[in-house]
């Protein structure tokens, strides 16, 4: 294995890659060397490059602060992964992560998204400029906001997204920002203060500031709010495993989260695909991101389905505990979630193939294509160069996808409409 790796490293060196201490680097036999650029690529000592789907584009630097293991990742131009473990995730231009990172399946870090040391991510999507401090666990999240590296959404150090419940489910994704507004790269930043946490599933509006040290449990649906703590809660209460006292929030937020991911997938298929044409490797990076979005959507649907399957047991335990005082609306919600799940899942699946209203989509795409022909395929500049009318049209198109999915899901579960 070592001798084969040595030969492969020699081939990379011949292509122009810089590999100091090459004898300490491992390149797996399954790695396709045609998917690793030569010019500008730097692989420091102790790194392991694994996986037949791995892509490393020009200017990427791996392992400057400590050894890096990469497995089936797509690494865009000028990305820096400075130390840690990275698997089945995609990194767009100039994204960077510090040492001690663990970035696992289903993550996408868009342009200049970045994290300091000891950042843990899984099934997480970060839009351009989003910045994570150190010692952070932010799994099962989407985060956007900000307009540049100077004006960006940020998560303070020692922050955690709580994504696993005492009832052992992970139908807990949090939407920090949203897709329809976030893709326009013109929204107010969001700040999540250090030494704090967010209990998923939650929705946080643009312009929100959650103070340091706060563990936040509620949605913030109105932008521009300073949150310094939740309302007081009881310090101790009874706990019955498998019993859900309310299901409105997880149902509404999971539906909305999946709807946003589907809208993002359509954004990539219709809009971002226009920007991945610079060289032979760019389409491979694009394919990698689409794969991660599909993974993210599949993960969220599976977790939501698992929650729906727990509803009969939860209803039975609830009736037994309440002894005739059970809330009929709550029981009806649980019944609908369980029985209507096939219809809800069908709504998600059908929406993957439906890019929605052409009356807003087509003019917007024409405008984006025009800007590319005039100014070149630089994504951030092209999108931020759209005037307000066109940005609003793009947002309207994507919001239409989100709203339609939410509306159809609630039509299948009418007991949730009045909540």
Protein backbone atom coordinates (compact mmCIF):
# COMPACT_ATOMS: atom_id res chain seq x y z
CA UNK A 1 0.00 0.00 0.00
CA UNK A 2 2.77 2.45 0.96
CA UNK A 3 4.73 1.77 -2.23
CA UNK A 4 1.61 2.29 -4.36
CA UNK A 5 0.90 5.52 -2.50
CA UNK A 6 4.45 6.67 -3.12
CA UNK A 7 4.04 6.18 -6.86
CA UNK A 8 0.79 8.12 -6.82
CA UNK A 9 2.37 10.96 -4.89
CA UNK A 10 5.16 11.09 -7.46
CA UNK A 11 2.51 11.50 -10.15
CA UNK A 12 0.97 14.40 -8.24
CA UNK A 13 4.37 16.03 -7.87
CA UNK A 14 4.89 15.71 -11.61
CA UNK A 15 1.57 17.51 -12.12
CA UNK A 16 2.88 20.43 -10.06
CA UNK A 17 1.42 19.75 -6.61
CA UNK A 18 3.53 20.79 -3.64
CA UNK A 19 3.85 18.01 -1.05
CA UNK A 20 6.41 18.75 1.68
CA UNK A 21 7.41 15.60 3.57
CA UNK A 22 5.82 13.50 0.85
CA UNK A 23 6.73 10.20 2.50
CA UNK A 24 4.27 10.92 5.32
CA UNK A 25 1.31 11.45 2.94
CA UNK A 26 -1.04 8.63 1.97
CA UNK A 27 -3.05 8.61 -1.27
CA UNK A 28 -5.48 5.70 -1.48
CA UNK A 29 -5.45 3.34 -4.46
CA UNK A 30 -9.09 4.22 -5.17
CA UNK A 31 -8.35 7.94 -5.59
CA UNK A 32 -8.69 9.18 -9.18
CA UNK A 33 -5.60 11.32 -9.76
CA UNK A 34 -7.33 13.06 -12.67
CA UNK A 35 -9.59 14.61 -10.02
CA UNK A 36 -6.64 16.19 -8.20
CA UNK A 37 -5.16 19.35 -9.71
CA UNK A 38 -1.46 20.02 -9.73
CA UNK A 39 -1.05 23.78 -9.92
CA UNK A 40 -1.29 25.46 -6.55
CA UNK A 41 -2.32 22.37 -4.59
CA UNK A 42 -0.38 21.97 -1.33
CA UNK A 43 -0.64 18.82 0.77
CA UNK A 44 1.30 19.02 4.03
CA UNK A 45 2.78 16.14 6.01
CA UNK A 46 0.59 13.49 7.62
CA UNK A 47 -2.40 13.95 5.31
CA UNK A 48 -4.52 11.07 3.97
CA UNK A 49 -6.40 11.43 0.69
CA UNK A 50 -9.07 8.74 0.33
CA UNK A 51 -12.20 8.00 -1.73
CA UNK A 52 -12.87 7.64 -5.43
CA UNK A 53 -15.12 10.72 -5.43
CA UNK A 54 -12.49 13.03 -3.92
CA UNK A 55 -11.86 16.19 -5.93
CA UNK A 56 -9.12 18.72 -5.17
CA UNK A 57 -9.05 21.86 -7.32
CA UNK A 58 -6.24 24.37 -7.94
CA UNK A 59 -5.05 26.42 -5.00
CA UNK A 60 -6.39 24.06 -2.33
CA UNK A 61 -4.22 23.64 0.75
CA UNK A 62 -4.55 20.69 3.13
CA UNK A 63 -3.00 20.20 6.55
CA UNK A 64 -1.17 23.46 7.29
CA UNK A 65 -2.01 23.33 11.02
CA UNK A 66 -2.23 19.57 11.43
CA UNK A 67 -2.81 16.36 9.47
CA UNK A 68 -5.95 16.21 7.35
CA UNK A 69 -7.93 13.14 6.33
CA UNK A 70 -10.14 13.71 3.29
CA UNK A 71 -12.59 11.02 2.17
CA UNK A 72 -14.89 11.51 -0.84
CA UNK A 73 -14.95 15.29 -0.51
CA UNK A 74 -15.13 17.86 -3.28
CA UNK A 75 -12.69 20.66 -2.53
CA UNK A 76 -13.01 23.80 -4.63
CA UNK A 77 -10.37 26.34 -5.66
CA UNK A 78 -8.34 28.04 -2.93
CA UNK A 79 -10.03 26.10 -0.14
CA UNK A 80 -7.99 25.58 3.03
CA UNK A 81 -8.66 22.61 5.30
CA UNK A 82 -6.07 23.16 7.97
CA UNK A 83 -6.44 20.06 10.12
CA UNK A 84 -8.94 17.33 10.96
CA UNK A 85 -11.30 14.84 9.34
CA UNK A 86 -13.50 15.64 6.33
CA UNK A 87 -15.89 13.14 4.75
CA UNK A 88 -18.51 13.31 1.98
CA UNK A 89 -18.78 17.11 2.06
CA UNK A 90 -18.24 19.91 -0.46
CA UNK A 91 -16.30 23.14 -0.10
CA UNK A 92 -16.66 26.02 -2.53
CA UNK A 93 -14.08 28.66 -3.38
CA UNK A 94 -12.06 30.06 -0.46
CA UNK A 95 -13.97 28.15 2.22
CA UNK A 96 -11.64 27.31 5.08
CA UNK A 97 -11.68 25.37 8.35
CA UNK A 98 -9.11 25.33 11.16
CA UNK A 99 -7.36 22.42 12.84
CA UNK A 100 -9.13 19.73 14.83
CA UNK A 101 -12.25 19.88 12.63
CA UNK A 102 -14.65 17.02 12.07
CA UNK A 103 -16.83 17.73 9.04
CA UNK A 104 -18.91 14.70 8.16
CA UNK A 105 -21.49 13.62 5.62
CA UNK A 106 -23.82 16.05 3.90
CA UNK A 107 -22.10 19.38 4.54
CA UNK A 108 -21.73 22.22 2.05
CA UNK A 109 -19.58 25.25 2.82
CA UNK A 110 -20.13 27.91 0.18
CA UNK A 111 -17.75 30.70 -0.81
CA UNK A 112 -15.60 32.00 2.06
CA UNK A 113 -17.61 30.21 4.73
CA UNK A 114 -15.17 29.42 7.47
CA UNK A 115 -14.57 27.97 10.90
CA UNK A 116 -11.79 28.23 13.47
CA UNK A 117 -10.35 25.22 15.31
CA UNK A 118 -12.29 22.22 16.66
CA UNK A 119 -15.47 22.72 14.65
CA UNK A 120 -17.85 19.76 14.30
CA UNK A 121 -20.34 19.73 11.43
CA UNK A 122 -22.66 17.13 9.90
CA UNK A 123 -25.61 17.66 7.58
CA UNK A 124 -24.93 21.40 7.76
CA UNK A 125 -25.02 24.02 5.01
CA UNK A 126 -23.25 27.35 5.39
CA UNK A 127 -23.83 30.13 2.88
CA UNK A 128 -21.08 32.53 1.82
CA UNK A 129 -19.19 34.41 4.53
CA UNK A 130 -20.76 32.56 7.49
CA UNK A 131 -18.14 32.36 10.22
CA UNK A 132 -17.87 29.84 13.04
CA UNK A 133 -15.66 30.36 16.07
CA UNK A 134 -13.79 27.61 17.90
CA UNK A 135 -15.09 24.58 19.80
CA UNK A 136 -18.43 24.48 18.00
CA UNK A 137 -20.86 21.66 17.24
CA UNK A 138 -23.34 22.77 14.60
CA UNK A 139 -24.86 19.60 13.13
CA UNK A 140 -28.21 19.54 11.26
CA UNK A 141 -28.31 23.24 10.47
CA UNK A 142 -28.64 25.71 7.64
CA UNK A 143 -27.13 29.16 8.15
CA UNK A 144 -27.00 32.25 5.93
CA UNK A 145 -26.84 36.02 6.23
CA UNK A 146 -24.36 38.81 5.66
CA UNK A 147 -22.88 40.41 2.58
CA UNK A 148 -19.10 40.04 2.90
CA UNK A 149 -16.26 38.85 5.10
CA UNK A 150 -16.62 42.11 7.04
CA UNK A 151 -20.40 41.84 7.41
CA UNK A 152 -21.19 38.19 8.06
CA UNK A 153 -23.32 35.87 10.16
CA UNK A 154 -21.32 34.44 13.02
CA UNK A 155 -21.50 31.71 15.64
CA UNK A 156 -19.46 32.45 18.75
CA UNK A 157 -16.99 30.01 20.26
CA UNK A 158 -18.19 27.09 22.41
CA UNK A 159 -21.62 27.04 20.78
CA UNK A 160 -23.74 23.94 20.26
CA UNK A 161 -26.81 23.13 18.24
CA UNK A 162 -28.77 20.58 20.30
CA UNK A 163 -29.97 18.13 17.68
CA UNK A 164 -30.86 14.98 19.63
CA UNK A 165 -33.88 14.70 21.89
CA UNK A 166 -34.47 12.66 25.08
CA UNK A 167 -36.92 10.66 22.98
CA UNK A 168 -34.00 9.67 20.77
CA UNK A 169 -35.01 11.37 17.57
CA UNK A 170 -33.22 13.84 15.31
CA UNK A 171 -36.13 15.56 13.63
CA UNK A 172 -34.42 18.68 14.91
CA UNK A 173 -32.93 20.75 12.05
CA UNK A 174 -32.63 24.49 12.58
CA UNK A 175 -33.03 27.11 9.89
CA UNK A 176 -30.81 30.07 10.74
CA UNK A 177 -31.87 32.48 8.03
CA UNK A 178 -33.59 30.98 5.00
CA UNK A 179 -32.92 30.02 1.39
CA UNK A 180 -35.13 32.43 -0.62
CA UNK A 181 -33.60 35.52 0.95
CA UNK A 182 -30.20 34.08 1.74
CA UNK A 183 -29.22 33.18 -1.82
CA UNK A 184 -29.32 36.86 -2.77
CA UNK A 185 -26.42 37.56 -0.40
CA UNK A 186 -28.04 40.80 0.76
CA UNK A 187 -29.56 39.90 4.13
CA UNK A 188 -28.69 41.22 7.57
CA UNK A 189 -26.28 38.96 9.47
CA UNK A 190 -27.28 36.71 12.34
CA UNK A 191 -25.19 36.50 15.51
CA UNK A 192 -25.29 33.55 17.90
CA UNK A 193 -23.28 34.48 20.98
CA UNK A 194 -20.55 32.24 22.35
CA UNK A 195 -20.92 29.80 25.26
CA UNK A 196 -24.52 29.30 24.16
CA UNK A 197 -26.75 26.92 22.32
CA UNK A 198 -29.81 26.53 20.14
CA UNK A 199 -32.32 23.73 20.75
CA UNK A 200 -33.58 22.39 17.45
CA UNK A 201 -35.77 22.45 15.55
CA UNK A 202 -35.73 26.24 15.44
CA UNK A 203 -36.15 29.08 12.97
CA UNK A 204 -34.09 32.23 13.38
CA UNK A 205 -34.78 35.35 11.30
CA UNK A 206 -32.18 37.56 9.68
CA UNK A 207 -30.81 40.33 11.87
CA UNK A 208 -31.28 38.33 15.08
CA UNK A 209 -28.69 38.64 17.84
CA UNK A 210 -28.77 35.96 20.55
CA UNK A 211 -26.58 37.02 23.45
CA UNK A 212 -23.59 35.10 24.75
CA UNK A 213 -24.36 32.35 27.25
CA UNK A 214 -27.98 31.90 26.16
CA UNK A 215 -29.42 28.45 25.45
CA UNK A 216 -32.32 29.40 23.19
CA UNK A 217 -35.37 27.14 22.78
CA UNK A 218 -37.79 29.20 20.73
CA UNK A 219 -38.23 30.41 17.15
CA UNK A 220 -37.34 34.02 16.36
CA UNK A 221 -39.55 34.84 13.39
CA UNK A 222 -39.20 38.62 13.44
CA UNK A 223 -35.87 40.03 12.29
CA UNK A 224 -33.75 42.58 14.10
CA UNK A 225 -34.33 41.20 17.60
CA UNK A 226 -31.87 41.05 20.49
CA UNK A 227 -32.47 37.89 22.53
CA UNK A 228 -30.91 37.76 25.98
CA UNK A 229 -32.74 34.69 27.27
CA UNK A 230 -35.88 32.58 27.07
CA UNK A 231 -38.83 32.86 29.38
CA UNK A 232 -38.21 31.00 32.65
CA UNK A 233 -39.10 27.31 32.60
CA UNK A 234 -39.70 24.85 35.39
CA UNK A 235 -36.48 23.40 36.71
CA UNK A 236 -37.94 19.95 37.27
CA UNK A 237 -40.90 18.05 35.89
CA UNK A 238 -41.95 14.51 35.10
CA UNK A 239 -40.44 12.74 32.10
CA UNK A 240 -42.07 9.85 30.27
CA UNK A 241 -39.86 8.32 27.55
CA UNK A 242 -41.59 8.16 24.17
CA UNK A 243 -44.25 10.72 25.08
CA UNK A 244 -44.43 13.93 23.02
CA UNK A 245 -46.34 16.71 24.79
CA UNK A 246 -46.51 18.77 21.61
CA UNK A 247 -45.77 18.07 17.97
CA UNK A 248 -46.69 21.34 16.29
CA UNK A 249 -43.22 22.87 16.34
CA UNK A 250 -41.32 19.84 15.02
CA UNK A 251 -43.88 19.26 12.27
CA UNK A 252 -44.01 22.88 11.10
CA UNK A 253 -40.25 23.40 11.34
CA UNK A 254 -39.27 20.11 9.70
CA UNK A 255 -41.66 20.73 6.83
CA UNK A 256 -40.33 24.24 6.36
CA UNK A 257 -36.70 23.09 6.59
CA UNK A 258 -37.17 20.43 3.91
CA UNK A 259 -39.04 22.94 1.75
CA UNK A 260 -36.06 25.30 1.99
CA UNK A 261 -33.61 22.55 1.04
CA UNK A 262 -35.75 21.67 -1.98
CA UNK A 263 -35.78 25.34 -2.99
CA UNK A 264 -31.99 25.40 -2.63
CA UNK A 265 -31.69 22.35 -4.86
CA UNK A 266 -33.72 24.12 -7.54
CA UNK A 267 -31.48 27.18 -7.12
CA UNK A 268 -28.47 25.02 -7.85
CA UNK A 269 -30.11 23.26 -10.79
CA UNK A 270 -31.38 26.45 -12.42
CA UNK A 271 -28.99 29.21 -11.32
CA UNK A 272 -25.76 28.00 -9.77
CA UNK A 273 -25.25 25.48 -12.57
CA UNK A 274 -24.51 28.48 -14.80
CA UNK A 275 -21.41 29.28 -12.74
CA UNK A 276 -19.65 25.89 -12.76
CA UNK A 277 -18.24 26.02 -16.28
CA UNK A 278 -14.78 27.51 -15.89
CA UNK A 279 -12.76 24.31 -16.40
CA UNK A 280 -13.04 20.53 -16.53
CA UNK A 281 -13.14 20.25 -12.72
CA UNK A 282 -15.90 22.77 -12.09
CA UNK A 283 -18.74 20.45 -13.22
CA UNK A 284 -17.37 17.77 -10.87
CA UNK A 285 -17.57 20.23 -7.98
CA UNK A 286 -21.14 21.10 -8.98
CA UNK A 287 -22.07 17.41 -9.09
CA UNK A 288 -20.59 17.02 -5.62
CA UNK A 289 -22.76 19.80 -4.20
CA UNK A 290 -25.92 18.36 -5.79
CA UNK A 291 -25.06 15.00 -4.23
CA UNK A 292 -24.73 16.65 -0.81
CA UNK A 293 -28.06 18.43 -1.18
CA UNK A 294 -29.71 15.14 -2.11
CA UNK A 295 -28.09 13.56 0.95
CA UNK A 296 -29.36 16.40 3.15
CA UNK A 297 -32.92 16.16 1.85
CA UNK A 298 -32.95 12.37 2.20
CA UNK A 299 -31.63 12.64 5.76
CA UNK A 300 -34.27 15.12 6.81
CA UNK A 301 -37.11 13.13 5.27
CA UNK A 302 -35.92 9.95 6.98
CA UNK A 303 -35.68 11.69 10.36
CA UNK A 304 -39.13 13.25 9.92
CA UNK A 305 -40.56 9.86 8.94
CA UNK A 306 -39.04 8.27 12.05
CA UNK A 307 -40.82 10.89 14.16
CA UNK A 308 -44.15 10.16 12.47
CA UNK A 309 -43.76 6.45 13.22
CA UNK A 310 -43.48 7.19 16.95
CA UNK A 311 -46.87 8.86 17.14
CA UNK A 312 -49.08 5.79 17.88
CA UNK A 313 -46.92 4.84 20.89
CA UNK A 314 -46.83 8.47 22.04
CA UNK A 315 -50.62 8.75 21.81
CA UNK A 316 -51.09 5.55 23.80
CA UNK A 317 -48.75 6.68 26.57
CA UNK A 318 -50.37 10.10 26.62
CA UNK A 319 -53.87 8.64 27.08
CA UNK A 320 -52.69 6.34 29.85
CA UNK A 321 -50.94 9.16 31.71
CA UNK A 322 -53.74 11.73 31.37
CA UNK A 323 -56.54 9.33 32.45
CA UNK A 324 -59.41 10.93 30.57
CA UNK A 325 -57.95 14.43 30.48
CA UNK A 326 -56.12 13.99 27.20
CA UNK A 327 -56.22 16.84 24.69
CA UNK A 328 -58.21 15.70 21.67
CA UNK A 329 -56.54 18.26 19.34
CA UNK A 330 -53.11 16.89 20.30
CA UNK A 331 -54.25 13.31 19.75
CA UNK A 332 -55.67 14.31 16.38
CA UNK A 333 -52.36 15.87 15.37
CA UNK A 334 -50.48 12.72 16.25
CA UNK A 335 -52.95 10.60 14.33
CA UNK A 336 -52.73 12.80 11.24
CA UNK A 337 -48.93 12.92 11.28
CA UNK A 338 -48.75 9.14 11.40
CA UNK A 339 -51.52 8.33 8.94
CA UNK A 340 -50.77 11.08 6.44
CA UNK A 341 -47.01 10.51 6.31
CA UNK A 342 -47.09 8.77 2.88
CA UNK A 343 -48.87 11.82 1.43
CA UNK A 344 -46.43 14.24 3.08
CA UNK A 345 -43.44 12.29 1.80
CA UNK A 346 -45.01 12.28 -1.65
CA UNK A 347 -45.30 16.08 -1.54
CA UNK A 348 -41.56 16.35 -0.88
CA UNK A 349 -40.67 13.89 -3.62
CA UNK A 350 -42.89 15.55 -6.23
CA UNK A 351 -41.50 18.96 -5.35
CA UNK A 352 -37.98 17.84 -6.18
CA UNK A 353 -39.03 17.81 -9.83
CA UNK A 354 -41.11 21.00 -9.82
CA UNK A 355 -39.18 24.31 -10.09
CA UNK A 356 -42.46 26.21 -9.67
CA UNK A 357 -43.63 29.48 -11.25
CA UNK A 358 -41.97 30.12 -14.66
CA UNK A 359 -43.33 33.68 -14.73
CA UNK A 360 -40.78 34.69 -12.09
CA UNK A 361 -38.15 32.01 -12.68
CA UNK A 362 -37.57 32.51 -16.40
CA UNK A 363 -37.07 36.31 -16.39
CA UNK A 364 -34.77 35.97 -13.39
CA UNK A 365 -32.66 33.31 -15.14
CA UNK A 366 -32.42 35.49 -18.23
CA UNK A 367 -31.14 38.37 -16.13
CA UNK A 368 -28.52 36.19 -14.42
CA UNK A 369 -27.40 34.82 -17.78
CA UNK A 370 -27.09 38.36 -19.10
CA UNK A 371 -24.89 39.39 -16.16
CA UNK A 372 -22.64 36.37 -16.69
CA UNK A 373 -22.18 37.23 -20.37
CA UNK A 374 -21.34 40.83 -19.47
CA UNK A 375 -19.17 40.36 -16.38
CA UNK A 376 -18.07 36.72 -16.29
CA UNK A 377 -19.08 33.73 -14.15
CA UNK A 378 -18.09 35.02 -10.71
CA UNK A 379 -21.00 33.93 -8.52
CA UNK A 380 -20.90 36.33 -5.58
CA UNK A 381 -20.30 39.40 -7.75
CA UNK A 382 -23.03 38.41 -10.21
CA UNK A 383 -25.70 37.82 -7.56
CA UNK A 384 -24.81 40.88 -5.51
CA UNK A 385 -24.77 42.93 -8.70
CA UNK A 386 -28.47 42.32 -9.30
CA UNK A 387 -30.62 45.33 -8.52
CA UNK A 388 -33.40 45.13 -5.96
CA UNK A 389 -36.13 44.36 -8.49
CA UNK A 390 -34.32 41.26 -9.79
CA UNK A 391 -33.22 40.11 -6.34
CA UNK A 392 -36.81 40.33 -5.16
CA UNK A 393 -37.98 38.36 -8.19
CA UNK A 394 -35.50 35.57 -7.45
CA UNK A 395 -36.59 35.48 -3.83
CA UNK A 396 -40.25 35.44 -4.87
CA UNK A 397 -39.62 32.43 -7.12
CA UNK A 398 -37.92 30.41 -4.38
CA UNK A 399 -40.35 31.51 -1.68
CA UNK A 400 -43.12 30.25 -3.91
CA UNK A 401 -41.58 26.76 -3.79
CA UNK A 402 -41.31 26.90 0.01
CA UNK A 403 -44.84 28.24 0.47
CA UNK A 404 -46.37 25.67 -1.86
CA UNK A 405 -44.75 22.75 -0.05
CA UNK A 406 -45.80 24.09 3.35
CA UNK A 407 -49.34 24.69 2.14
CA UNK A 408 -49.71 21.23 0.62
CA UNK A 409 -48.33 19.55 3.75
CA UNK A 410 -50.76 21.46 5.99
CA UNK A 411 -53.61 20.57 3.65
CA UNK A 412 -52.76 16.92 4.33
CA UNK A 413 -52.70 17.62 8.10
CA UNK A 414 -55.48 20.14 8.71
CA UNK A 415 -55.26 19.90 12.50
CA UNK A 416 -51.99 21.84 12.33
CA UNK A 417 -53.40 24.78 10.37
CA UNK A 418 -54.80 26.71 13.29
CA UNK A 419 -51.56 26.56 15.24
